[in-house]
Protein backbone atom coordinates (compact mmCIF):
# COMPACT_ATOMS: atom_id res chain seq x y z
CA MET A 1 280.96 -64.77 45.53
CA GLU A 2 277.76 -65.78 43.91
CA THR A 3 277.84 -67.61 40.62
CA GLN A 4 275.33 -67.40 37.95
CA GLN A 5 274.48 -71.03 38.45
CA THR A 6 273.60 -70.33 42.15
CA VAL A 7 271.28 -67.51 41.03
CA GLU A 8 269.61 -69.63 38.42
CA GLU A 9 269.06 -72.51 40.80
CA GLY A 10 267.57 -70.30 43.47
CA LYS A 11 265.62 -67.94 41.32
CA THR A 12 262.31 -69.94 41.42
CA MET A 13 262.25 -70.27 45.17
CA ALA A 14 263.35 -66.65 45.57
CA ILE A 15 260.28 -65.62 43.51
CA ILE A 16 257.96 -67.98 45.41
CA ALA A 17 259.07 -66.43 48.65
CA TYR A 18 257.29 -63.16 47.68
CA VAL A 19 254.07 -64.81 46.69
CA THR A 20 252.09 -64.67 50.02
CA VAL A 21 253.14 -65.97 53.36
CA ILE A 22 252.51 -69.57 52.22
CA GLY A 23 254.97 -69.14 49.40
CA LEU A 24 257.56 -67.82 51.92
CA ILE A 25 257.02 -70.80 54.11
CA ILE A 26 257.39 -73.20 51.07
CA ALA A 27 260.54 -71.46 50.04
CA PHE A 28 262.01 -71.55 53.46
CA ILE A 29 261.25 -75.29 53.85
CA ILE A 30 262.65 -76.19 50.42
CA ASN A 31 265.70 -73.99 50.86
CA ASN A 32 266.52 -75.76 54.18
CA ASP A 33 267.54 -78.73 52.20
CA LYS A 34 269.34 -77.05 49.27
CA LYS A 35 270.95 -74.04 51.08
CA ASN A 36 270.95 -71.70 48.10
CA SER A 37 272.41 -68.29 49.23
CA PHE A 38 270.43 -66.35 46.64
CA THR A 39 267.14 -67.86 47.75
CA ALA A 40 268.12 -67.25 51.42
CA TYR A 41 268.68 -63.56 50.64
CA HIS A 42 265.21 -63.21 49.26
CA ILE A 43 263.69 -65.25 51.93
CA ARG A 44 265.04 -62.76 54.50
CA GLN A 45 263.77 -59.80 52.48
CA SER A 46 260.34 -61.39 52.14
CA LEU A 47 260.16 -62.37 55.80
CA GLY A 48 261.04 -58.89 56.90
CA ILE A 49 258.39 -57.35 54.58
CA TYR A 50 255.65 -59.67 55.89
CA ILE A 51 256.60 -59.10 59.58
CA LEU A 52 256.66 -55.33 58.98
CA TRP A 53 253.30 -55.52 57.28
CA PHE A 54 251.78 -57.45 60.19
CA ALA A 55 253.29 -55.05 62.77
CA LEU A 56 252.06 -52.00 60.95
CA SER A 57 248.65 -53.45 60.55
CA LEU A 58 248.58 -54.33 64.22
CA ALA A 59 249.69 -50.77 65.08
CA HIS A 60 247.01 -49.26 62.84
CA THR A 61 244.35 -51.42 64.44
CA ALA A 62 245.38 -50.34 67.96
CA LEU A 63 245.68 -46.66 66.85
CA SER A 64 242.27 -46.70 65.17
CA PHE A 65 240.66 -47.30 68.63
CA ILE A 66 242.17 -43.94 69.74
CA VAL A 67 241.92 -41.79 66.62
CA HIS A 68 240.68 -42.40 63.12
CA ILE A 69 243.14 -41.46 60.34
CA PRO A 70 241.39 -41.74 57.02
CA LEU A 71 243.27 -43.68 54.41
CA LEU A 72 246.09 -44.86 56.73
CA SER A 73 245.28 -48.48 56.02
CA TRP A 74 245.39 -47.85 52.25
CA ILE A 75 248.79 -46.10 52.65
CA ILE A 76 250.16 -49.00 54.58
CA TYR A 77 248.78 -51.43 52.12
CA ILE A 78 250.20 -49.66 49.03
CA CYS A 79 253.54 -49.25 50.66
CA MET A 80 253.80 -52.96 51.62
CA ILE A 81 252.65 -54.04 48.17
CA ALA A 82 255.27 -51.81 46.68
CA LEU A 83 258.00 -53.45 48.78
CA VAL A 84 256.81 -56.99 47.80
CA VAL A 85 256.83 -55.89 44.08
CA ILE A 86 260.32 -54.32 44.30
CA GLY A 87 261.62 -57.52 46.01
CA LEU A 88 259.86 -59.74 43.45
CA ILE A 89 261.30 -57.78 40.50
CA ALA A 90 264.79 -58.08 42.03
CA ALA A 91 264.37 -61.84 42.44
CA MET A 92 263.12 -62.24 38.85
CA GLN A 93 266.09 -60.35 37.50
CA GLY A 94 268.54 -62.40 39.55
CA GLU A 95 269.71 -59.44 41.72
CA ARG A 96 270.48 -59.15 45.38
CA LYS A 97 268.89 -55.83 45.71
CA PRO A 98 267.54 -54.90 49.14
CA VAL A 99 264.06 -53.29 49.35
CA PRO A 100 264.17 -49.54 50.00
CA ILE A 101 264.55 -48.17 53.53
CA VAL A 102 264.44 -51.45 55.50
CA GLY A 103 266.07 -54.01 53.23
CA GLU A 104 269.56 -53.79 54.79
CA LYS A 105 268.06 -54.15 58.22
CA PHE A 106 266.18 -57.30 57.28
CA GLN A 107 269.45 -58.88 56.13
CA GLU A 108 271.09 -57.88 59.53
CA TRP A 109 268.16 -58.95 61.67
CA PHE A 110 267.47 -62.26 59.93
CA LYS A 111 271.05 -63.21 59.07
CA ASN A 112 270.69 -66.73 60.65
CA ILE A 113 267.50 -67.49 58.49
CA GLY A 114 267.78 -69.19 55.17
């Protein structure tokens, strides 16, 4: 069970985890010492989002050599930004709310991180 104190102590690092990949790395390093479960939850969400973003961008680049799909890069960008914003809002509100569609999988895949 997570206490309000755990959430309050981990909220800042949880928020930082969503602010670029550098913020994710900083939150991960700092949380390795403190081991806050709330921060770890959001680190896993953020890590999953950034890995998915990288994979989709890589797939889009490879696909663009075969066929050009107008606006696909914008769709990917907008969807990934939306996931980051949803995760960031959850962290700011002190909630353990997974991002839509893939959030539960991120927790399962990265359960040993954080």
